[in-house]
Amino acid sequence: MTVTMLRWLTLLGILFWFVAYWQGGRKVVSDIQKSAGVEDSRLDTYLMVSIVLSSVVVMGTGVLVTLGLVPLELPRRWVVVAGGWLLSVIGIVGMFYCRHYLGRFWTAETTLMDGHQVVDTGPYGVVRHPIYSFAIVMYVGVGIVFPVWWNLLLVLGIVGAYALKAQEEDGFLEEELEGYREYKERVQYRIIPWVW
């Protein structure tokens, strides 16, 4: 398998994720609009918008790199690109897996649904925000597959945005969701098991 083929496979995986996970972007736009309508969630709205805009640039750069229109500054070894592709696949599969555990409570915005309850099984028994964990894995993989300097900076920004979003959600859920404080005591790590 060639480096170019791995890059196309990465882009196809991202396209599948975008269409199936985000309903072609409709779900994230809807969640951003709902979040923007709530005065207390301005940081959440800004973080979602920054993640979306950064993602568009990262993926667009991926297309340009794959077509040979943007030169790479970093080495393009097959094994490194294969490792990045594998991380992106693990991230995509992991996000779908975590979303399955949340069921009807899943949304991009920080909010509560009718009858909302703490989900503490599966990946939510390891970290409190495993979707963010797997999203970070996916973006790191994409940054490795398409190693252009601005992509690497944007991936770092996306990681920071997810870290802030997890912190923001923890504060909101601790105040608004019964049992979340006890859940935080049982599951001590936000995004990275045994680290943070």
Protein backbone atom coordinates (compact mmCIF):
# COMPACT_ATOMS: atom_id res chain seq x y z
CA MET A 1 0.00 0.00 0.00
CA THR A 2 1.37 3.41 -0.94
CA VAL A 3 1.47 6.60 1.10
CA THR A 4 -1.00 8.22 -1.31
CA MET A 5 -3.43 5.33 -0.88
CA LEU A 6 -3.20 5.63 2.92
CA ARG A 7 -3.95 9.33 2.63
CA TRP A 8 -7.02 8.63 0.47
CA LEU A 9 -8.17 5.99 2.96
CA THR A 10 -7.79 8.50 5.77
CA LEU A 11 -9.87 11.05 3.86
CA LEU A 12 -12.55 8.41 3.12
CA GLY A 13 -12.66 7.51 6.82
CA ILE A 14 -13.10 11.16 7.75
CA LEU A 15 -15.81 11.57 5.11
CA PHE A 16 -17.64 8.51 6.46
CA TRP A 17 -17.35 9.89 10.02
CA PHE A 18 -18.62 13.30 8.91
CA VAL A 19 -21.64 11.88 7.07
CA ALA A 20 -22.59 9.11 9.52
CA TYR A 21 -21.64 10.69 12.85
CA TRP A 22 -22.53 14.32 12.16
CA GLN A 23 -25.30 13.69 9.59
CA GLY A 24 -23.29 15.55 6.97
CA GLY A 25 -22.79 18.50 9.31
CA ARG A 26 -26.46 19.10 10.11
CA LYS A 27 -26.14 17.78 13.68
CA VAL A 28 -23.18 19.96 14.62
CA VAL A 29 -24.74 23.08 13.04
CA SER A 30 -27.97 22.40 14.93
CA ASP A 31 -26.09 21.90 18.22
CA ILE A 32 -24.06 25.09 17.70
CA GLN A 33 -27.26 27.05 17.03
CA LYS A 34 -28.89 25.67 20.20
CA SER A 35 -25.78 26.44 22.23
CA ALA A 36 -25.60 29.98 20.84
CA GLY A 37 -29.14 30.57 22.07
CA VAL A 38 -28.18 29.83 25.69
CA GLU A 39 -26.50 32.76 27.42
CA ASP A 40 -24.52 30.61 29.89
CA SER A 41 -22.85 28.50 27.18
CA ARG A 42 -20.83 31.07 25.23
CA LEU A 43 -17.52 29.31 25.86
CA ASP A 44 -19.08 26.01 24.76
CA THR A 45 -20.32 27.66 21.55
CA TYR A 46 -16.93 29.24 20.82
CA LEU A 47 -15.16 25.93 21.42
CA MET A 48 -17.52 24.04 19.11
CA VAL A 49 -17.13 26.67 16.37
CA SER A 50 -13.32 26.66 16.70
CA ILE A 51 -13.21 22.85 16.51
CA VAL A 52 -15.44 22.85 13.41
CA LEU A 53 -13.50 25.59 11.61
CA SER A 54 -10.14 24.02 12.47
CA SER A 55 -11.44 20.66 11.27
CA VAL A 56 -12.48 22.12 7.92
CA VAL A 57 -8.98 23.56 7.40
CA VAL A 58 -7.25 20.33 8.52
CA MET A 59 -9.38 18.16 6.23
CA GLY A 60 -9.13 20.61 3.33
CA THR A 61 -5.37 20.59 3.72
CA GLY A 62 -5.52 16.79 3.69
CA VAL A 63 -7.22 16.87 0.30
CA LEU A 64 -4.65 19.35 -1.06
CA VAL A 65 -1.74 17.27 0.29
CA THR A 66 -3.18 14.08 -1.21
CA LEU A 67 -3.60 15.77 -4.60
CA GLY A 68 0.01 16.99 -4.39
CA LEU A 69 -0.98 20.67 -4.31
CA VAL A 70 0.58 21.38 -0.91
CA PRO A 71 4.18 20.32 -0.32
CA LEU A 72 5.06 18.57 2.94
CA GLU A 73 7.81 19.92 5.17
CA LEU A 74 8.18 16.71 7.17
CA PRO A 75 9.35 13.25 6.07
CA ARG A 76 6.73 11.04 4.42
CA ARG A 77 7.71 7.55 5.52
CA TRP A 78 5.15 4.87 4.82
CA VAL A 79 5.22 3.46 8.36
CA VAL A 80 4.59 6.91 9.88
CA VAL A 81 1.64 7.58 7.57
CA ALA A 82 0.28 4.08 8.29
CA GLY A 83 0.51 4.82 12.03
CA GLY A 84 -1.40 8.07 11.56
CA TRP A 85 -4.05 6.30 9.48
CA LEU A 86 -4.41 3.63 12.19
CA LEU A 87 -4.85 6.32 14.88
CA SER A 88 -7.52 8.03 12.80
CA VAL A 89 -9.41 4.74 12.37
CA ILE A 90 -9.16 3.97 16.10
CA GLY A 91 -10.45 7.47 16.88
CA ILE A 92 -13.40 7.20 14.50
CA VAL A 93 -14.43 3.73 15.70
CA GLY A 94 -13.98 4.82 19.33
CA MET A 95 -16.24 7.86 18.90
CA PHE A 96 -19.02 5.71 17.45
CA TYR A 97 -18.55 3.21 20.29
CA CYS A 98 -18.79 5.92 22.96
CA ARG A 99 -21.76 7.54 21.29
CA HIS A 100 -23.53 4.18 21.42
CA TYR A 101 -23.15 4.19 25.22
CA LEU A 102 -24.63 7.68 25.53
CA GLY A 103 -27.60 6.77 23.36
CA ARG A 104 -30.22 9.50 23.28
CA PHE A 105 -28.17 11.67 25.67
CA TRP A 106 -25.51 12.32 23.02
CA THR A 107 -25.17 15.88 21.72
CA ALA A 108 -22.27 18.17 20.85
CA GLU A 109 -23.54 21.01 23.00
CA THR A 110 -23.31 21.05 26.77
CA THR A 111 -26.91 20.48 27.82
CA LEU A 112 -29.24 18.10 29.62
CA MET A 113 -32.05 16.11 28.02
CA ASP A 114 -35.36 15.11 29.62
CA GLY A 115 -34.67 12.25 32.01
CA HIS A 116 -30.91 12.73 31.70
CA GLN A 117 -28.84 10.45 33.89
CA VAL A 118 -25.18 9.68 34.45
CA VAL A 119 -23.74 7.10 32.06
CA ASP A 120 -20.91 5.29 33.82
CA THR A 121 -20.56 2.03 31.91
CA GLY A 122 -18.20 0.99 29.14
CA PRO A 123 -15.72 3.73 28.22
CA TYR A 124 -17.48 6.11 30.63
CA GLY A 125 -16.23 3.91 33.45
CA VAL A 126 -12.63 4.76 32.45
CA VAL A 127 -12.76 8.49 31.61
CA ARG A 128 -15.59 11.01 31.86
CA HIS A 129 -15.28 12.28 28.27
CA PRO A 130 -14.17 9.32 26.13
CA ILE A 131 -15.63 10.78 22.92
CA TYR A 132 -13.15 13.63 23.32
CA SER A 133 -10.38 11.11 24.00
CA PHE A 134 -11.08 9.32 20.74
CA ALA A 135 -11.60 12.59 18.82
CA ILE A 136 -8.13 13.67 19.94
CA VAL A 137 -6.70 10.31 18.82
CA MET A 138 -8.34 10.79 15.41
CA TYR A 139 -7.03 14.34 15.00
CA VAL A 140 -3.51 13.39 16.05
CA GLY A 141 -3.64 10.61 13.45
CA VAL A 142 -4.83 13.04 10.78
CA GLY A 143 -2.04 15.45 11.73
CA ILE A 144 0.49 12.64 11.26
CA VAL A 145 -0.97 11.65 7.88
CA PHE A 146 -1.01 15.26 6.63
CA PRO A 147 2.01 16.85 8.39
CA VAL A 148 1.85 20.47 7.25
CA TRP A 149 2.92 23.01 9.88
CA TRP A 150 -0.48 24.73 10.10
CA ASN A 151 -2.24 21.38 10.40
CA LEU A 152 -0.06 20.48 13.34
CA LEU A 153 -0.84 23.84 15.01
CA LEU A 154 -4.56 23.39 14.37
CA VAL A 155 -4.49 19.86 15.80
CA LEU A 156 -2.85 21.26 18.95
CA GLY A 157 -5.60 23.89 19.08
CA ILE A 158 -8.29 21.23 18.69
CA VAL A 159 -6.75 19.21 21.54
CA GLY A 160 -6.78 22.34 23.72
CA ALA A 161 -10.39 23.08 22.76
CA TYR A 162 -11.48 19.57 23.74
CA ALA A 163 -9.64 19.90 27.06
CA LEU A 164 -11.45 23.19 27.79
CA LYS A 165 -14.77 21.73 26.65
CA ALA A 166 -14.34 18.76 29.00
CA GLN A 167 -13.60 21.12 31.88
CA GLU A 168 -16.61 23.29 31.01
CA GLU A 169 -18.90 20.25 30.78
CA ASP A 170 -17.67 18.89 34.11
CA GLY A 171 -18.60 22.15 35.85
CA PHE A 172 -22.02 22.28 34.20
CA LEU A 173 -22.86 18.63 34.86
CA GLU A 174 -21.64 18.77 38.45
CA GLU A 175 -24.10 21.59 39.14
CA GLU A 176 -27.01 20.41 37.00
CA LEU A 177 -26.97 16.59 36.86
CA GLU A 178 -27.84 14.57 39.94
CA GLY A 179 -25.16 12.00 40.72
CA TYR A 180 -22.45 13.60 38.60
CA ARG A 181 -20.39 14.70 41.60
CA GLU A 182 -20.26 11.09 42.85
CA TYR A 183 -19.43 9.93 39.31
CA LYS A 184 -16.46 12.35 39.26
CA GLU A 185 -15.20 10.78 42.47
CA ARG A 186 -15.46 7.26 40.98
CA VAL A 187 -14.05 8.16 37.55
CA GLN A 188 -11.27 10.61 38.26
CA TYR A 189 -9.90 11.19 34.75
CA ARG A 190 -11.45 13.54 32.21
CA ILE A 191 -9.84 12.50 28.94
CA ILE A 192 -6.61 10.55 29.41
CA PRO A 193 -6.75 7.46 31.65
CA TRP A 194 -4.39 7.64 34.65
CA VAL A 195 -3.14 11.08 33.54
CA TRP A 196 -5.90 13.74 33.33
